[in-house]
Amino acid sequence: MKHTNLVPVLAAAVIFLFGCDAHRSDDPEAGDEAVFYSQNGADILAAISSESHDRMIKLSVAKDYLGLGEMESAKKVFLVKPGTTCQVIDPGAFNSEVRITNGPYFGKSLFVAPEQLRRK
């Protein structure tokens, strides 16, 4: 069985995910101080681990608000206010680990979508 039809699809996916336009000048790097950002000013969901972040995204896409509520009750996800400051520990393509430096979650390490962070 030939898989030659997959090559263009895989190439397009790689270009889409890692395209040269994907990096913004205000994308924070490891060690940078950053702020949580929301285009519409809404609170931002952040998770306690990469695995919890993945699960949170799946539940969000499925519009499983009960599941998200269970994660919040179990303290696996938190609602963080836009403008909350943090230090970037490990920036990533799908989630970034940060340490909160002000507000009610001061000192907590959380994982957040990288597009919801801006260099301070």
PDB file of N, CA and C in Angstrom:
ATOM      1  N   MET A   1       0.842  -1.175   0.000  1.00  0.00           N
ATOM      2  CA  MET A   1       0.000   0.000   0.000  1.00  0.00           C
ATOM      3  C   MET A   1       0.895   1.250   0.000  1.00  0.00           C
ATOM      4  N   LYS A   2       0.601   2.182  -0.892  1.00  0.00           N
ATOM      5  CA  LYS A   2       1.382   3.408  -0.990  1.00  0.00           C
ATOM      6  C   LYS A   2       0.806   4.489  -0.098  1.00  0.00           C
ATOM      7  N   HIS A   3       1.710   5.289   0.485  1.00  0.00           N
ATOM      8  CA  HIS A   3       1.300   6.399   1.357  1.00  0.00           C
ATOM      9  C   HIS A   3       1.751   7.733   0.781  1.00  0.00           C
ATOM     10  N   THR A   4       1.938   7.790  -0.522  1.00  0.00           N
ATOM     11  CA  THR A   4       2.441   9.016  -1.135  1.00  0.00           C
ATOM     12  C   THR A   4       1.464  10.174  -0.988  1.00  0.00           C
ATOM     13  N   ASN A   5       0.164   9.915  -0.858  1.00  0.00           N
ATOM     14  CA  ASN A   5      -0.817  10.990  -0.691  1.00  0.00           C
ATOM     15  C   ASN A   5      -0.715  11.648   0.679  1.00  0.00           C
ATOM     16  N   LEU A   6      -0.112  10.962   1.639  1.00  0.00           N
ATOM     17  CA  LEU A   6       0.034  11.519   2.978  1.00  0.00           C
ATOM     18  C   LEU A   6       1.132  12.573   3.058  1.00  0.00           C
ATOM     19  N   VAL A   7       2.128  12.487   2.210  1.00  0.00           N
ATOM     20  CA  VAL A   7       3.275  13.397   2.286  1.00  0.00           C
ATOM     21  C   VAL A   7       2.852  14.855   2.175  1.00  0.00           C
ATOM     22  N   PRO A   8       2.051  15.247   1.164  1.00  0.00           N
ATOM     23  CA  PRO A   8       1.653  16.666   1.104  1.00  0.00           C
ATOM     24  C   PRO A   8       0.824  17.107   2.311  1.00  0.00           C
ATOM     25  N   VAL A   9      -0.024  16.213   2.821  1.00  0.00           N
ATOM     26  CA  VAL A   9      -0.851  16.546   3.975  1.00  0.00           C
ATOM     27  C   VAL A   9       0.028  16.750   5.206  1.00  0.00           C
ATOM     28  N   LEU A  10       0.967  15.849   5.439  1.00  0.00           N
ATOM     29  CA  LEU A  10       1.870  15.984   6.577  1.00  0.00           C
ATOM     30  C   LEU A  10       2.742  17.222   6.447  1.00  0.00           C
ATOM     31  N   ALA A  11       3.229  17.495   5.247  1.00  0.00           N
ATOM     32  CA  ALA A  11       4.055  18.688   5.032  1.00  0.00           C
ATOM     33  C   ALA A  11       3.259  19.953   5.328  1.00  0.00           C
ATOM     34  N   ALA A  12       2.006  20.002   4.884  1.00  0.00           N
ATOM     35  CA  ALA A  12       1.172  21.173   5.145  1.00  0.00           C
ATOM     36  C   ALA A  12       0.915  21.337   6.640  1.00  0.00           C
ATOM     37  N   ALA A  13       0.710  20.224   7.340  1.00  0.00           N
ATOM     38  CA  ALA A  13       0.481  20.290   8.788  1.00  0.00           C
ATOM     39  C   ALA A  13       1.704  20.828   9.510  1.00  0.00           C
ATOM     40  N   VAL A  14       2.885  20.374   9.125  1.00  0.00           N
ATOM     41  CA  VAL A  14       4.117  20.847   9.757  1.00  0.00           C
ATOM     42  C   VAL A  14       4.324  22.338   9.481  1.00  0.00           C
ATOM     43  N   ILE A  15       4.082  22.758   8.257  1.00  0.00           N
ATOM     44  CA  ILE A  15       4.228  24.177   7.913  1.00  0.00           C
ATOM     45  C   ILE A  15       3.226  25.014   8.707  1.00  0.00           C
ATOM     46  N   PHE A  16       1.993  24.513   8.843  1.00  0.00           N
ATOM     47  CA  PHE A  16       0.979  25.235   9.598  1.00  0.00           C
ATOM     48  C   PHE A  16       1.368  25.365  11.069  1.00  0.00           C
ATOM     49  N   LEU A  17       1.799  24.238  11.682  1.00  0.00           N
ATOM     50  CA  LEU A  17       2.117  24.243  13.109  1.00  0.00           C
ATOM     51  C   LEU A  17       3.398  25.002  13.433  1.00  0.00           C
ATOM     52  N   PHE A  18       4.374  24.941  12.556  1.00  0.00           N
ATOM     53  CA  PHE A  18       5.666  25.522  12.865  1.00  0.00           C
ATOM     54  C   PHE A  18       6.087  26.575  11.851  1.00  0.00           C
ATOM     55  N   GLY A  19       5.098  27.241  11.275  1.00  0.00           N
ATOM     56  CA  GLY A  19       5.373  28.252  10.267  1.00  0.00           C
ATOM     57  C   GLY A  19       6.166  29.418  10.818  1.00  0.00           C
ATOM     58  N   CYS A  20       6.846  30.119   9.933  1.00  0.00           N
ATOM     59  CA  CYS A  20       7.708  31.219  10.367  1.00  0.00           C
ATOM     60  C   CYS A  20       6.903  32.386  10.928  1.00  0.00           C
ATOM     61  N   ASP A  21       5.606  32.478  10.637  1.00  0.00           N
ATOM     62  CA  ASP A  21       4.784  33.559  11.180  1.00  0.00           C
ATOM     63  C   ASP A  21       4.208  33.228  12.555  1.00  0.00           C
ATOM     64  N   ALA A  22       4.472  32.017  13.050  1.00  0.00           N
ATOM     65  CA  ALA A  22       3.853  31.577  14.302  1.00  0.00           C
ATOM     66  C   ALA A  22       4.421  32.313  15.518  1.00  0.00           C
ATOM     67  N   HIS A  23       5.632  32.821  15.443  1.00  0.00           N
ATOM     68  CA  HIS A  23       6.262  33.467  16.598  1.00  0.00           C
ATOM     69  C   HIS A  23       6.023  34.974  16.550  1.00  0.00           C
ATOM     70  N   ARG A  24       5.358  35.501  17.575  1.00  0.00           N
ATOM     71  CA  ARG A  24       5.132  36.943  17.678  1.00  0.00           C
ATOM     72  C   ARG A  24       6.279  37.563  18.460  1.00  0.00           C
ATOM     73  N   SER A  25       6.489  38.838  18.256  1.00  0.00           N
ATOM     74  CA  SER A  25       7.577  39.522  18.963  1.00  0.00           C
ATOM     75  C   SER A  25       7.311  39.626  20.464  1.00  0.00           C
ATOM     76  N   ASP A  26       6.023  39.530  20.862  1.00  0.00           N
ATOM     77  CA  ASP A  26       5.713  39.623  22.288  1.00  0.00           C
ATOM     78  C   ASP A  26       5.525  38.247  22.938  1.00  0.00           C
ATOM     79  N   ASP A  27       5.896  37.172  22.223  1.00  0.00           N
ATOM     80  CA  ASP A  27       5.864  35.834  22.820  1.00  0.00           C
ATOM     81  C   ASP A  27       6.941  35.744  23.891  1.00  0.00           C
ATOM     82  N   PRO A  28       6.567  35.427  25.122  1.00  0.00           N
ATOM     83  CA  PRO A  28       7.570  35.334  26.181  1.00  0.00           C
ATOM     84  C   PRO A  28       8.424  34.068  26.043  1.00  0.00           C
ATOM     85  N   GLU A  29       9.652  34.190  26.506  1.00  0.00           N
ATOM     86  CA  GLU A  29      10.590  33.071  26.509  1.00  0.00           C
ATOM     87  C   GLU A  29      10.872  32.681  27.954  1.00  0.00           C
ATOM     88  N   ALA A  30      11.556  31.559  28.137  1.00  0.00           N
ATOM     89  CA  ALA A  30      11.894  31.090  29.486  1.00  0.00           C
ATOM     90  C   ALA A  30      12.612  32.191  30.262  1.00  0.00           C
ATOM     91  N   GLY A  31      12.152  32.437  31.477  1.00  0.00           N
ATOM     92  CA  GLY A  31      12.736  33.464  32.330  1.00  0.00           C
ATOM     93  C   GLY A  31      12.092  34.829  32.204  1.00  0.00           C
ATOM     94  N   ASP A  32      11.319  35.044  31.146  1.00  0.00           N
ATOM     95  CA  ASP A  32      10.657  36.340  30.951  1.00  0.00           C
ATOM     96  C   ASP A  32       9.522  36.535  31.952  1.00  0.00           C
ATOM     97  N   GLU A  33       9.295  37.795  32.295  1.00  0.00           N
ATOM     98  CA  GLU A  33       8.091  38.149  33.035  1.00  0.00           C
ATOM     99  C   GLU A  33       6.995  38.373  31.995  1.00  0.00           C
ATOM    100  N   ALA A  34       5.813  37.841  32.273  1.00  0.00           N
ATOM    101  CA  ALA A  34       4.708  37.933  31.317  1.00  0.00           C
ATOM    102  C   ALA A  34       3.420  38.255  32.058  1.00  0.00           C
ATOM    103  N   VAL A  35       2.389  38.553  31.288  1.00  0.00           N
ATOM    104  CA  VAL A  35       1.060  38.765  31.848  1.00  0.00           C
ATOM    105  C   VAL A  35       0.077  37.860  31.123  1.00  0.00           C
ATOM    106  N   PHE A  36      -0.952  37.425  31.867  1.00  0.00           N
ATOM    107  CA  PHE A  36      -2.036  36.676  31.246  1.00  0.00           C
ATOM    108  C   PHE A  36      -2.820  37.639  30.374  1.00  0.00           C
ATOM    109  N   TYR A  37      -3.195  37.198  29.183  1.00  0.00           N
ATOM    110  CA  TYR A  37      -3.857  38.056  28.202  1.00  0.00           C
ATOM    111  C   TYR A  37      -5.115  37.374  27.680  1.00  0.00           C
ATOM    112  N   SER A  38      -6.177  38.143  27.568  1.00  0.00           N
ATOM    113  CA  SER A  38      -7.423  37.676  26.976  1.00  0.00           C
ATOM    114  C   SER A  38      -7.936  38.773  26.065  1.00  0.00           C
ATOM    115  N   GLN A  39      -8.151  38.441  24.811  1.00  0.00           N
ATOM    116  CA  GLN A  39      -8.584  39.428  23.828  1.00  0.00           C
ATOM    117  C   GLN A  39      -9.899  40.095  24.228  1.00  0.00           C
ATOM    118  N   ASN A  40     -10.800  39.328  24.843  1.00  0.00           N
ATOM    119  CA  ASN A  40     -12.097  39.887  25.212  1.00  0.00           C
ATOM    120  C   ASN A  40     -12.200  40.232  26.698  1.00  0.00           C
ATOM    121  N   GLY A  41     -11.091  40.109  27.424  1.00  0.00           N
ATOM    122  CA  GLY A  41     -11.078  40.464  28.840  1.00  0.00           C
ATOM    123  C   GLY A  41     -11.617  39.392  29.773  1.00  0.00           C
ATOM    124  N   ALA A  42     -11.946  38.226  29.232  1.00  0.00           N
ATOM    125  CA  ALA A  42     -12.478  37.140  30.054  1.00  0.00           C
ATOM    126  C   ALA A  42     -11.357  36.483  30.865  1.00  0.00           C
ATOM    127  N   ASP A  43     -11.747  35.867  31.987  1.00  0.00           N
ATOM    128  CA  ASP A  43     -10.781  35.106  32.773  1.00  0.00           C
ATOM    129  C   ASP A  43     -10.207  33.971  31.925  1.00  0.00           C
ATOM    130  N   ILE A  44      -8.999  33.544  32.277  1.00  0.00           N
ATOM    131  CA  ILE A  44      -8.261  32.546  31.504  1.00  0.00           C
ATOM    132  C   ILE A  44      -8.160  31.259  32.309  1.00  0.00           C
ATOM    133  N   LEU A  45      -8.475  30.141  31.674  1.00  0.00           N
ATOM    134  CA  LEU A  45      -8.336  28.842  32.319  1.00  0.00           C
ATOM    135  C   LEU A  45      -6.871  28.413  32.272  1.00  0.00           C
ATOM    136  N   ALA A  46      -6.350  27.994  33.412  1.00  0.00           N
ATOM    137  CA  ALA A  46      -4.985  27.463  33.508  1.00  0.00           C
ATOM    138  C   ALA A  46      -5.048  26.191  34.340  1.00  0.00           C
ATOM    139  N   ALA A  47      -4.158  25.258  34.064  1.00  0.00           N
ATOM    140  CA  ALA A  47      -4.201  23.936  34.703  1.00  0.00           C
ATOM    141  C   ALA A  47      -2.938  23.671  35.508  1.00  0.00           C
ATOM    142  N   ILE A  48      -3.027  22.690  36.423  1.00  0.00           N
ATOM    143  CA  ILE A  48      -1.905  22.383  37.313  1.00  0.00           C
ATOM    144  C   ILE A  48      -0.838  21.509  36.674  1.00  0.00           C
ATOM    145  N   SER A  49      -1.139  20.899  35.516  1.00  0.00           N
ATOM    146  CA  SER A  49      -0.158  20.050  34.837  1.00  0.00           C
ATOM    147  C   SER A  49      -0.437  20.075  33.341  1.00  0.00           C
ATOM    148  N   SER A  50       0.530  19.616  32.585  1.00  0.00           N
ATOM    149  CA  SER A  50       0.356  19.527  31.142  1.00  0.00           C
ATOM    150  C   SER A  50      -0.789  18.573  30.804  1.00  0.00           C
ATOM    151  N   GLU A  51      -0.872  17.475  31.533  1.00  0.00           N
ATOM    152  CA  GLU A  51      -1.942  16.500  31.302  1.00  0.00           C
ATOM    153  C   GLU A  51      -3.312  17.114  31.615  1.00  0.00           C
ATOM    154  N   SER A  52      -3.400  17.845  32.721  1.00  0.00           N
ATOM    155  CA  SER A  52      -4.655  18.517  33.070  1.00  0.00           C
ATOM    156  C   SER A  52      -5.008  19.574  32.034  1.00  0.00           C
ATOM    157  N   HIS A  53      -3.997  20.253  31.487  1.00  0.00           N
ATOM    158  CA  HIS A  53      -4.245  21.245  30.453  1.00  0.00           C
ATOM    159  C   HIS A  53      -4.823  20.573  29.206  1.00  0.00           C
ATOM    160  N   ASP A  54      -4.248  19.437  28.813  1.00  0.00           N
ATOM    161  CA  ASP A  54      -4.766  18.706  27.652  1.00  0.00           C
ATOM    162  C   ASP A  54      -6.222  18.305  27.867  1.00  0.00           C
ATOM    163  N   ARG A  55      -6.524  17.793  29.064  1.00  0.00           N
ATOM    164  CA  ARG A  55      -7.890  17.378  29.395  1.00  0.00           C
ATOM    165  C   ARG A  55      -8.832  18.581  29.391  1.00  0.00           C
ATOM    166  N   MET A  56      -8.376  19.706  29.938  1.00  0.00           N
ATOM    167  CA  MET A  56      -9.165  20.927  29.973  1.00  0.00           C
ATOM    168  C   MET A  56      -9.527  21.376  28.551  1.00  0.00           C
ATOM    169  N   ILE A  57      -8.580  21.300  27.637  1.00  0.00           N
ATOM    170  CA  ILE A  57      -8.827  21.685  26.238  1.00  0.00           C
ATOM    171  C   ILE A  57      -9.870  20.759  25.618  1.00  0.00           C
ATOM    172  N   LYS A  58      -9.728  19.458  25.843  1.00  0.00           N
ATOM    173  CA  LYS A  58     -10.701  18.499  25.293  1.00  0.00           C
ATOM    174  C   LYS A  58     -12.104  18.781  25.817  1.00  0.00           C
ATOM    175  N   LEU A  59     -12.222  19.034  27.109  1.00  0.00           N
ATOM    176  CA  LEU A  59     -13.531  19.334  27.696  1.00  0.00           C
ATOM    177  C   LEU A  59     -14.090  20.648  27.154  1.00  0.00           C
ATOM    178  N   SER A  60     -13.231  21.636  26.965  1.00  0.00           N
ATOM    179  CA  SER A  60     -13.667  22.931  26.422  1.00  0.00           C
ATOM    180  C   SER A  60     -14.191  22.776  25.004  1.00  0.00           C
ATOM    181  N   VAL A  61     -13.474  22.034  24.177  1.00  0.00           N
ATOM    182  CA  VAL A  61     -13.892  21.814  22.792  1.00  0.00           C
ATOM    183  C   VAL A  61     -15.232  21.079  22.760  1.00  0.00           C
ATOM    184  N   ALA A  62     -15.397  20.117  23.676  1.00  0.00           N
ATOM    185  CA  ALA A  62     -16.646  19.346  23.747  1.00  0.00           C
ATOM    186  C   ALA A  62     -17.771  20.111  24.442  1.00  0.00           C
ATOM    187  N   LYS A  63     -17.473  21.314  24.941  1.00  0.00           N
ATOM    188  CA  LYS A  63     -18.437  22.128  25.699  1.00  0.00           C
ATOM    189  C   LYS A  63     -18.978  21.363  26.902  1.00  0.00           C
ATOM    190  N   ASP A  64     -18.077  20.589  27.535  1.00  0.00           N
ATOM    191  CA  ASP A  64     -18.433  19.810  28.725  1.00  0.00           C
ATOM    192  C   ASP A  64     -18.170  20.680  29.961  1.00  0.00           C
ATOM    193  N   TYR A  65     -19.100  21.577  30.242  1.00  0.00           N
ATOM    194  CA  TYR A  65     -18.934  22.514  31.345  1.00  0.00           C
ATOM    195  C   TYR A  65     -19.017  21.823  32.704  1.00  0.00           C
ATOM    196  N   LEU A  66     -19.748  20.727  32.771  1.00  0.00           N
ATOM    197  CA  LEU A  66     -19.799  19.942  33.996  1.00  0.00           C
ATOM    198  C   LEU A  66     -18.417  19.345  34.287  1.00  0.00           C
ATOM    199  N   GLY A  67     -17.772  18.805  33.248  1.00  0.00           N
ATOM    200  CA  GLY A  67     -16.420  18.256  33.402  1.00  0.00           C
ATOM    201  C   GLY A  67     -15.421  19.320  33.816  1.00  0.00           C
ATOM    202  N   LEU A  68     -15.530  20.518  33.221  1.00  0.00           N
ATOM    203  CA  LEU A  68     -14.648  21.621  33.605  1.00  0.00           C
ATOM    204  C   LEU A  68     -14.905  22.032  35.053  1.00  0.00           C
ATOM    205  N   GLY A  69     -16.175  22.037  35.455  1.00  0.00           N
ATOM    206  CA  GLY A  69     -16.518  22.357  36.843  1.00  0.00           C
ATOM    207  C   GLY A  69     -15.938  21.339  37.811  1.00  0.00           C
ATOM    208  N   GLU A  70     -15.954  20.057  37.415  1.00  0.00           N
ATOM    209  CA  GLU A  70     -15.350  19.022  38.254  1.00  0.00           C
ATOM    210  C   GLU A  70     -13.848  19.241  38.394  1.00  0.00           C
ATOM    211  N   MET A  71     -13.199  19.627  37.285  1.00  0.00           N
ATOM    212  CA  MET A  71     -11.755  19.900  37.340  1.00  0.00           C
ATOM    213  C   MET A  71     -11.472  21.094  38.248  1.00  0.00           C
ATOM    214  N   GLU A  72     -12.335  22.109  38.193  1.00  0.00           N
ATOM    215  CA  GLU A  72     -12.147  23.287  39.048  1.00  0.00           C
ATOM    216  C   GLU A  72     -12.359  22.914  40.515  1.00  0.00           C
ATOM    217  N   SER A  73     -13.374  22.113  40.790  1.00  0.00           N
ATOM    218  CA  SER A  73     -13.635  21.672  42.175  1.00  0.00           C
ATOM    219  C   SER A  73     -12.479  20.847  42.723  1.00  0.00           C
ATOM    220  N   ALA A  74     -11.852  20.066  41.849  1.00  0.00           N
ATOM    221  CA  ALA A  74     -10.713  19.227  42.245  1.00  0.00           C
ATOM    222  C   ALA A  74      -9.407  20.025  42.272  1.00  0.00           C
ATOM    223  N   LYS A  75      -9.491  21.329  41.991  1.00  0.00           N
ATOM    224  CA  LYS A  75      -8.330  22.231  41.972  1.00  0.00           C
ATOM    225  C   LYS A  75      -7.285  21.790  40.944  1.00  0.00           C
ATOM    226  N   LYS A  76      -7.785  21.313  39.784  1.00  0.00           N
ATOM    227  CA  LYS A  76      -6.903  20.958  38.667  1.00  0.00           C
ATOM    228  C   LYS A  76      -6.856  22.062  37.624  1.00  0.00           C
ATOM    229  N   VAL A  77      -7.861  22.947  37.653  1.00  0.00           N
ATOM    230  CA  VAL A  77      -7.859  24.133  36.799  1.00  0.00           C
ATOM    231  C   VAL A  77      -8.267  25.342  37.635  1.00  0.00           C
ATOM    232  N   PHE A  78      -7.789  26.502  37.200  1.00  0.00           N
ATOM    233  CA  PHE A  78      -8.060  27.753  37.896  1.00  0.00           C
ATOM    234  C   PHE A  78      -8.426  28.821  36.877  1.00  0.00           C
ATOM    235  N   LEU A  79      -9.295  29.744  37.276  1.00  0.00           N
ATOM    236  CA  LEU A  79      -9.609  30.903  36.458  1.00  0.00           C
ATOM    237  C   LEU A  79      -8.691  32.044  36.893  1.00  0.00           C
ATOM    238  N   VAL A  80      -7.864  32.499  35.964  1.00  0.00           N
ATOM    239  CA  VAL A  80      -6.879  33.546  36.250  1.00  0.00           C
ATOM    240  C   VAL A  80      -7.318  34.826  35.545  1.00  0.00           C
ATOM    241  N   LYS A  81      -7.242  35.935  36.262  1.00  0.00           N
ATOM    242  CA  LYS A  81      -7.638  37.239  35.720  1.00  0.00           C
ATOM    243  C   LYS A  81      -6.610  37.732  34.697  1.00  0.00           C
ATOM    244  N   PRO A  82      -7.078  38.341  33.601  1.00  0.00           N
ATOM    245  CA  PRO A  82      -6.149  38.975  32.669  1.00  0.00           C
ATOM    246  C   PRO A  82      -5.323  40.033  33.404  1.00  0.00           C
ATOM    247  N   GLY A  83      -4.071  40.166  33.048  1.00  0.00           N
ATOM    248  CA  GLY A  83      -3.181  41.119  33.695  1.00  0.00           C
ATOM    249  C   GLY A  83      -2.398  40.517  34.849  1.00  0.00           C
ATOM    250  N   THR A  84      -2.771  39.298  35.278  1.00  0.00           N
ATOM    251  CA  THR A  84      -2.006  38.616  36.323  1.00  0.00           C
ATOM    252  C   THR A  84      -0.595  38.384  35.811  1.00  0.00           C
ATOM    253  N   THR A  85       0.402  38.692  36.635  1.00  0.00           N
ATOM    254  CA  THR A  85       1.786  38.538  36.192  1.00  0.00           C
ATOM    255  C   THR A  85       2.317  37.152  36.547  1.00  0.00           C
ATOM    256  N   CYS A  86       3.303  36.739  35.761  1.00  0.00           N
ATOM    257  CA  CYS A  86       3.903  35.424  35.959  1.00  0.00           C
ATOM    258  C   CYS A  86       5.314  35.420  35.390  1.00  0.00           C
ATOM    259  N   GLN A  87       6.077  34.418  35.792  1.00  0.00           N
ATOM    260  CA  GLN A  87       7.389  34.169  35.211  1.00  0.00           C
ATOM    261  C   GLN A  87       7.263  32.921  34.355  1.00  0.00           C
ATOM    262  N   VAL A  88       7.746  32.997  33.127  1.00  0.00           N
ATOM    263  CA  VAL A  88       7.662  31.859  32.219  1.00  0.00           C
ATOM    264  C   VAL A  88       8.749  30.860  32.588  1.00  0.00           C
ATOM    265  N   ILE A  89       8.333  29.636  32.871  1.00  0.00           N
ATOM    266  CA  ILE A  89       9.269  28.571  33.215  1.00  0.00           C
ATOM    267  C   ILE A  89       9.645  27.780  31.971  1.00  0.00           C
ATOM    268  N   ASP A  90       8.623  27.343  31.218  1.00  0.00           N
ATOM    269  CA  ASP A  90       8.862  26.509  30.043  1.00  0.00           C
ATOM    270  C   ASP A  90       7.851  26.855  28.957  1.00  0.00           C
ATOM    271  N   PRO A  91       8.241  27.713  28.006  1.00  0.00           N
ATOM    272  CA  PRO A  91       7.313  28.040  26.924  1.00  0.00           C
ATOM    273  C   PRO A  91       7.158  26.834  25.995  1.00  0.00           C
ATOM    274  N   GLY A  92       5.964  26.648  25.471  1.00  0.00           N
ATOM    275  CA  GLY A  92       5.730  25.521  24.580  1.00  0.00           C
ATOM    276  C   GLY A  92       4.798  25.891  23.449  1.00  0.00           C
ATOM    277  N   ALA A  93       4.692  24.995  22.483  1.00  0.00           N
ATOM    278  CA  ALA A  93       3.840  25.227  21.320  1.00  0.00           C
ATOM    279  C   ALA A  93       2.359  25.077  21.686  1.00  0.00           C
ATOM    280  N   PHE A  94       2.048  24.164  22.619  1.00  0.00           N
ATOM    281  CA  PHE A  94       0.649  23.885  22.956  1.00  0.00           C
ATOM    282  C   PHE A  94       0.276  24.342  24.360  1.00  0.00           C
ATOM    283  N   ASN A  95       1.231  24.367  25.278  1.00  0.00           N
ATOM    284  CA  ASN A  95       1.014  24.941  26.599  1.00  0.00           C
ATOM    285  C   ASN A  95       2.348  25.410  27.158  1.00  0.00           C
ATOM    286  N   SER A  96       2.282  26.406  28.005  1.00  0.00           N
ATOM    287  CA  SER A  96       3.475  26.971  28.628  1.00  0.00           C
ATOM    288  C   SER A  96       3.335  26.885  30.138  1.00  0.00           C
ATOM    289  N   GLU A  97       4.424  26.503  30.810  1.00  0.00           N
ATOM    290  CA  GLU A  97       4.409  26.469  32.265  1.00  0.00           C
ATOM    291  C   GLU A  97       4.867  27.821  32.787  1.00  0.00           C
ATOM    292  N   VAL A  98       4.102  28.351  33.737  1.00  0.00           N
ATOM    293  CA  VAL A  98       4.418  29.653  34.329  1.00  0.00           C
ATOM    294  C   VAL A  98       4.288  29.564  35.843  1.00  0.00           C
ATOM    295  N   ARG A  99       4.948  30.498  36.542  1.00  0.00           N
ATOM    296  CA  ARG A  99       4.771  30.646  37.980  1.00  0.00           C
ATOM    297  C   ARG A  99       4.110  31.995  38.220  1.00  0.00           C
ATOM    298  N   ILE A 100       2.966  32.000  38.889  1.00  0.00           N
ATOM    299  CA  ILE A 100       2.209  33.223  39.161  1.00  0.00           C
ATOM    300  C   ILE A 100       2.988  34.083  40.158  1.00  0.00           C
ATOM    301  N   THR A 101       3.111  35.395  39.859  1.00  0.00           N
ATOM    302  CA  THR A 101       3.898  36.289  40.712  1.00  0.00           C
ATOM    303  C   THR A 101       3.065  37.370  41.409  1.00  0.00           C
ATOM    304  N   ASN A 102       1.745  37.344  41.225  1.00  0.00           N
ATOM    305  CA  ASN A 102       0.878  38.234  41.999  1.00  0.00           C
ATOM    306  C   ASN A 102      -0.532  37.662  42.044  1.00  0.00           C
ATOM    307  N   GLY A 103      -1.350  38.227  42.889  1.00  0.00           N
ATOM    308  CA  GLY A 103      -2.740  37.809  42.959  1.00  0.00           C
ATOM    309  C   GLY A 103      -2.982  36.594  43.843  1.00  0.00           C
ATOM    310  N   PRO A 104      -4.193  36.069  43.789  1.00  0.00           N
ATOM    311  CA  PRO A 104      -4.592  34.999  44.705  1.00  0.00           C
ATOM    312  C   PRO A 104      -3.860  33.673  44.486  1.00  0.00           C
ATOM    313  N   TYR A 105      -3.252  33.489  43.336  1.00  0.00           N
ATOM    314  CA  TYR A 105      -2.534  32.228  43.067  1.00  0.00           C
ATOM    315  C   TYR A 105      -1.021  32.407  43.129  1.00  0.00           C
ATOM    316  N   PHE A 106      -0.575  33.447  43.830  1.00  0.00           N
ATOM    317  CA  PHE A 106       0.857  33.748  43.953  1.00  0.00           C
ATOM    318  C   PHE A 106       1.652  32.482  44.292  1.00  0.00           C
ATOM    319  N   GLY A 107       2.720  32.248  43.536  1.00  0.00           N
ATOM    320  CA  GLY A 107       3.624  31.126  43.781  1.00  0.00           C
ATOM    321  C   GLY A 107       3.219  29.833  43.109  1.00  0.00           C
ATOM    322  N   LYS A 108       1.998  29.746  42.605  1.00  0.00           N
ATOM    323  CA  LYS A 108       1.503  28.512  41.988  1.00  0.00           C
ATOM    324  C   LYS A 108       2.072  28.361  40.579  1.00  0.00           C
ATOM    325  N   SER A 109       2.476  27.134  40.253  1.00  0.00           N
ATOM    326  CA  SER A 109       2.913  26.789  38.903  1.00  0.00           C
ATOM    327  C   SER A 109       1.701  26.294  38.124  1.00  0.00           C
ATOM    328  N   LEU A 110       1.440  26.893  36.957  1.00  0.00           N
ATOM    329  CA  LEU A 110       0.285  26.536  36.137  1.00  0.00           C
ATOM    330  C   LEU A 110       0.680  26.408  34.671  1.00  0.00           C
ATOM    331  N   PHE A 111      -0.153  25.713  33.920  1.00  0.00           N
ATOM    332  CA  PHE A 111       0.036  25.549  32.483  1.00  0.00           C
ATOM    333  C   PHE A 111      -1.089  26.286  31.767  1.00  0.00           C
ATOM    334  N   VAL A 112      -0.713  27.051  30.749  1.00  0.00           N
ATOM    335  CA  VAL A 112      -1.664  27.900  30.041  1.00  0.00           C
ATOM    336  C   VAL A 112      -1.324  27.866  28.550  1.00  0.00           C
ATOM    337  N   ALA A 113      -2.328  28.120  27.709  1.00  0.00           N
ATOM    338  CA  ALA A 113      -2.093  28.207  26.265  1.00  0.00           C
ATOM    339  C   ALA A 113      -1.153  29.386  25.994  1.00  0.00           C
ATOM    340  N   PRO A 114      -0.126  29.185  25.171  1.00  0.00           N
ATOM    341  CA  PRO A 114       0.856  30.261  24.942  1.00  0.00           C
ATOM    342  C   PRO A 114       0.265  31.535  24.351  1.00  0.00           C
ATOM    343  N   GLU A 115      -0.824  31.428  23.604  1.00  0.00           N
ATOM    344  CA  GLU A 115      -1.435  32.634  23.031  1.00  0.00           C
ATOM    345  C   GLU A 115      -2.120  33.487  24.084  1.00  0.00           C
ATOM    346  N   GLN A 116      -2.207  32.987  25.296  1.00  0.00           N
ATOM    347  CA  GLN A 116      -2.813  33.750  26.388  1.00  0.00           C
ATOM    348  C   GLN A 116      -1.765  34.389  27.307  1.00  0.00           C
ATOM    349  N   LEU A 117      -0.542  34.485  26.797  1.00  0.00           N
ATOM    350  CA  LEU A 117       0.544  35.153  27.522  1.00  0.00           C
ATOM    351  C   LEU A 117       1.142  36.236  26.645  1.00  0.00           C
ATOM    352  N   ARG A 118       1.535  37.333  27.266  1.00  0.00           N
ATOM    353  CA  ARG A 118       2.243  38.404  26.579  1.00  0.00           C
ATOM    354  C   ARG A 118       3.438  38.801  27.435  1.00  0.00           C
ATOM    355  N   ARG A 119       4.558  39.056  26.769  1.00  0.00           N
ATOM    356  CA  ARG A 119       5.748  39.541  27.458  1.00  0.00           C
ATOM    357  C   ARG A 119       5.408  40.870  28.117  1.00  0.00           C
ATOM    358  N   LYS A 120       5.867  41.051  29.354  1.00  0.00           N
ATOM    359  CA  LYS A 120       5.560  42.281  30.083  1.00  0.00           C
ATOM    360  C   LYS A 120       6.522  43.380  29.677  1.00  0.00           C
TER     361      LYS A 120
END
